[in-house]
């Protein structure tokens, strides 16, 4: 149990250090606007893909529920 807590703490420290380094790099670079634009574009593409996957999954579930309701109505 203690090893699990220690590994989570170490992972949290490493992630925090990486995020801090990234923020420091963005604050110090001359190309921060270009980097932020590219990052926003990437995040937008990921968001669109995620929304598409959620909608596709939602439609499949709705179709299954509709089929179950029809089966129950026919009983």
N, C-alpha and C. Protein backbone atom coordinates (compact mmCIF):
# COMPACT_ATOMS: atom_id res chain seq x y z
N UNK A 1 0.82 -1.19 0.00
CA UNK A 1 0.00 0.00 0.00
C UNK A 1 0.87 1.25 0.00
N UNK A 2 1.92 1.27 0.79
CA UNK A 2 2.79 2.43 0.87
C UNK A 2 3.49 2.67 -0.46
N UNK A 3 3.87 1.60 -1.17
CA UNK A 3 4.52 1.77 -2.47
C UNK A 3 3.60 2.45 -3.47
N UNK A 4 2.31 2.14 -3.40
CA UNK A 4 1.34 2.74 -4.31
C UNK A 4 1.24 4.25 -4.05
N UNK A 5 1.22 4.63 -2.79
CA UNK A 5 1.14 6.05 -2.44
C UNK A 5 2.41 6.76 -2.86
N UNK A 6 3.56 6.13 -2.62
CA UNK A 6 4.84 6.72 -3.00
C UNK A 6 4.93 6.91 -4.51
N UNK A 7 4.47 5.91 -5.28
CA UNK A 7 4.55 6.03 -6.74
C UNK A 7 3.61 7.11 -7.25
N UNK A 8 2.43 7.26 -6.62
CA UNK A 8 1.51 8.32 -7.03
C UNK A 8 2.09 9.69 -6.73
N UNK A 9 2.74 9.81 -5.57
CA UNK A 9 3.37 11.07 -5.20
C UNK A 9 4.48 11.42 -6.18
N UNK A 10 5.31 10.45 -6.51
CA UNK A 10 6.39 10.68 -7.46
C UNK A 10 5.85 11.05 -8.83
N UNK A 11 4.81 10.36 -9.27
CA UNK A 11 4.20 10.68 -10.57
C UNK A 11 3.64 12.09 -10.55
N UNK A 12 2.98 12.47 -9.46
CA UNK A 12 2.43 13.82 -9.35
C UNK A 12 3.51 14.89 -9.40
N UNK A 13 4.62 14.62 -8.71
CA UNK A 13 5.74 15.57 -8.75
C UNK A 13 6.33 15.69 -10.15
N UNK A 14 6.46 14.57 -10.84
CA UNK A 14 7.01 14.60 -12.20
C UNK A 14 6.09 15.34 -13.17
N UNK A 15 4.80 15.08 -13.06
CA UNK A 15 3.83 15.76 -13.93
C UNK A 15 3.84 17.25 -13.63
N UNK A 16 3.87 17.60 -12.35
CA UNK A 16 3.91 19.00 -11.96
C UNK A 16 5.15 19.71 -12.49
N UNK A 17 6.29 19.02 -12.42
CA UNK A 17 7.53 19.60 -12.93
C UNK A 17 7.46 19.79 -14.45
N UNK A 18 6.87 18.81 -15.15
CA UNK A 18 6.76 18.92 -16.60
C UNK A 18 5.84 20.08 -16.99
N UNK A 19 4.72 20.21 -16.29
CA UNK A 19 3.79 21.31 -16.58
C UNK A 19 4.47 22.65 -16.28
N UNK A 20 5.18 22.71 -15.17
CA UNK A 20 5.89 23.94 -14.82
C UNK A 20 6.94 24.32 -15.85
N UNK A 21 7.67 23.32 -16.33
CA UNK A 21 8.68 23.57 -17.35
C UNK A 21 8.04 24.06 -18.65
N UNK A 22 6.91 23.46 -19.01
CA UNK A 22 6.22 23.87 -20.24
C UNK A 22 5.72 25.31 -20.12
N UNK A 23 5.16 25.66 -18.98
CA UNK A 23 4.68 27.03 -18.78
C UNK A 23 5.85 28.01 -18.80
N UNK A 24 6.95 27.63 -18.16
CA UNK A 24 8.14 28.48 -18.18
C UNK A 24 8.67 28.68 -19.58
N UNK A 25 8.67 27.62 -20.38
CA UNK A 25 9.14 27.73 -21.76
C UNK A 25 8.24 28.66 -22.57
N UNK A 26 6.93 28.50 -22.39
CA UNK A 26 5.99 29.36 -23.13
C UNK A 26 6.14 30.81 -22.73
N UNK A 27 6.38 31.07 -21.46
CA UNK A 27 6.51 32.44 -21.00
C UNK A 27 7.79 33.09 -21.50
N UNK A 28 8.83 32.29 -21.74
CA UNK A 28 10.13 32.84 -22.11
C UNK A 28 10.37 32.89 -23.62
N UNK A 29 9.61 32.18 -24.38
CA UNK A 29 9.88 32.08 -25.82
C UNK A 29 9.29 33.26 -26.59
N UNK A 30 9.94 33.58 -27.69
CA UNK A 30 9.45 34.64 -28.57
C UNK A 30 8.31 34.15 -29.46
N UNK A 31 8.21 32.85 -29.63
CA UNK A 31 7.21 32.27 -30.53
C UNK A 31 5.98 31.80 -29.75
N UNK A 32 5.71 32.38 -28.61
CA UNK A 32 4.62 31.87 -27.78
C UNK A 32 3.27 31.98 -28.48
N UNK A 33 3.05 33.03 -29.25
CA UNK A 33 1.77 33.16 -29.97
C UNK A 33 1.59 32.03 -30.98
N UNK A 34 2.65 31.73 -31.71
CA UNK A 34 2.59 30.65 -32.70
C UNK A 34 2.35 29.31 -32.01
N UNK A 35 3.04 29.06 -30.91
CA UNK A 35 2.88 27.81 -30.18
C UNK A 35 1.46 27.70 -29.63
N UNK A 36 0.95 28.78 -29.07
CA UNK A 36 -0.40 28.76 -28.52
C UNK A 36 -1.45 28.55 -29.62
N UNK A 37 -1.24 29.15 -30.80
CA UNK A 37 -2.16 28.94 -31.91
C UNK A 37 -2.17 27.47 -32.35
N UNK A 38 -0.98 26.88 -32.44
CA UNK A 38 -0.89 25.48 -32.83
C UNK A 38 -1.52 24.58 -31.78
N UNK A 39 -1.29 24.92 -30.52
CA UNK A 39 -1.88 24.14 -29.43
C UNK A 39 -3.40 24.25 -29.44
N UNK A 40 -3.92 25.45 -29.65
CA UNK A 40 -5.37 25.63 -29.74
C UNK A 40 -5.97 24.87 -30.91
N UNK A 41 -5.27 24.84 -32.02
CA UNK A 41 -5.72 24.09 -33.19
C UNK A 41 -5.77 22.59 -32.87
N UNK A 42 -4.71 22.11 -32.23
CA UNK A 42 -4.67 20.69 -31.87
C UNK A 42 -5.78 20.33 -30.88
N UNK A 43 -5.98 21.17 -29.89
CA UNK A 43 -7.03 20.92 -28.90
C UNK A 43 -8.40 20.95 -29.57
N UNK A 44 -8.59 21.85 -30.52
CA UNK A 44 -9.86 21.90 -31.25
C UNK A 44 -10.12 20.62 -32.03
N UNK A 45 -9.07 20.08 -32.67
CA UNK A 45 -9.22 18.83 -33.42
C UNK A 45 -9.54 17.67 -32.49
N UNK A 46 -8.88 17.63 -31.35
CA UNK A 46 -9.14 16.56 -30.37
C UNK A 46 -10.57 16.68 -29.85
N UNK A 47 -11.00 17.90 -29.58
CA UNK A 47 -12.36 18.14 -29.08
C UNK A 47 -13.40 17.70 -30.12
N UNK A 48 -13.17 18.04 -31.37
CA UNK A 48 -14.10 17.64 -32.44
C UNK A 48 -14.16 16.12 -32.57
N UNK A 49 -13.00 15.48 -32.51
CA UNK A 49 -12.97 14.01 -32.60
C UNK A 49 -13.67 13.36 -31.43
N UNK A 50 -13.48 13.91 -30.25
CA UNK A 50 -14.13 13.36 -29.06
C UNK A 50 -15.64 13.55 -29.14
N UNK A 51 -16.08 14.73 -29.56
CA UNK A 51 -17.52 14.97 -29.72
C UNK A 51 -18.12 14.03 -30.75
N UNK A 52 -17.42 13.79 -31.84
CA UNK A 52 -17.90 12.87 -32.86
C UNK A 52 -18.04 11.46 -32.31
N UNK A 53 -17.04 11.01 -31.56
CA UNK A 53 -17.09 9.67 -30.98
C UNK A 53 -18.23 9.54 -29.98
N UNK A 54 -18.42 10.57 -29.16
CA UNK A 54 -19.50 10.55 -28.17
C UNK A 54 -20.86 10.50 -28.88
N UNK A 55 -21.03 11.31 -29.91
CA UNK A 55 -22.30 11.32 -30.64
C UNK A 55 -22.57 9.99 -31.32
N UNK A 56 -21.53 9.37 -31.88
CA UNK A 56 -21.69 8.08 -32.52
C UNK A 56 -22.10 7.02 -31.50
N UNK A 57 -21.45 7.03 -30.34
CA UNK A 57 -21.77 6.08 -29.27
C UNK A 57 -23.18 6.33 -28.75
N UNK A 58 -23.55 7.60 -28.63
CA UNK A 58 -24.88 7.98 -28.15
C UNK A 58 -25.96 7.45 -29.11
N UNK A 59 -25.73 7.57 -30.41
CA UNK A 59 -26.70 7.09 -31.39
C UNK A 59 -26.85 5.58 -31.30
N UNK A 60 -25.75 4.87 -31.12
CA UNK A 60 -25.82 3.41 -30.99
C UNK A 60 -26.64 3.01 -29.78
N UNK A 61 -26.43 3.70 -28.67
CA UNK A 61 -27.17 3.38 -27.45
C UNK A 61 -28.65 3.69 -27.64
N UNK A 62 -28.95 4.84 -28.26
CA UNK A 62 -30.35 5.21 -28.48
C UNK A 62 -31.03 4.18 -29.37
N UNK A 63 -30.34 3.69 -30.40
CA UNK A 63 -30.92 2.68 -31.28
C UNK A 63 -31.20 1.38 -30.52
N UNK A 64 -30.28 0.98 -29.65
CA UNK A 64 -30.49 -0.23 -28.86
C UNK A 64 -31.66 -0.06 -27.90
N UNK A 65 -31.75 1.10 -27.26
CA UNK A 65 -32.85 1.35 -26.33
C UNK A 65 -34.17 1.35 -27.09
N UNK A 66 -34.21 1.97 -28.26
CA UNK A 66 -35.43 1.97 -29.06
C UNK A 66 -35.84 0.55 -29.43
N UNK A 67 -34.86 -0.29 -29.77
CA UNK A 67 -35.16 -1.68 -30.10
C UNK A 67 -35.70 -2.44 -28.91
N UNK A 68 -35.15 -2.21 -27.74
CA UNK A 68 -35.62 -2.87 -26.53
C UNK A 68 -37.04 -2.42 -26.20
N UNK A 69 -37.31 -1.12 -26.35
CA UNK A 69 -38.65 -0.60 -26.07
C UNK A 69 -39.66 -1.23 -27.04
N UNK A 70 -39.31 -1.34 -28.30
CA UNK A 70 -40.21 -1.97 -29.27
C UNK A 70 -40.46 -3.42 -28.93
N UNK A 71 -39.43 -4.13 -28.52
CA UNK A 71 -39.58 -5.54 -28.12
C UNK A 71 -40.51 -5.66 -26.93
N UNK A 72 -40.37 -4.76 -25.97
CA UNK A 72 -41.23 -4.80 -24.79
C UNK A 72 -42.68 -4.44 -25.13
N UNK A 73 -42.86 -3.53 -26.08
CA UNK A 73 -44.22 -3.17 -26.47
C UNK A 73 -44.92 -4.31 -27.21
N UNK A 74 -44.13 -5.14 -27.88
CA UNK A 74 -44.70 -6.25 -28.65
C UNK A 74 -44.99 -7.47 -27.78
N UNK A 75 -44.59 -7.44 -26.53
CA UNK A 75 -44.81 -8.59 -25.64
C UNK A 75 -46.20 -8.58 -25.11
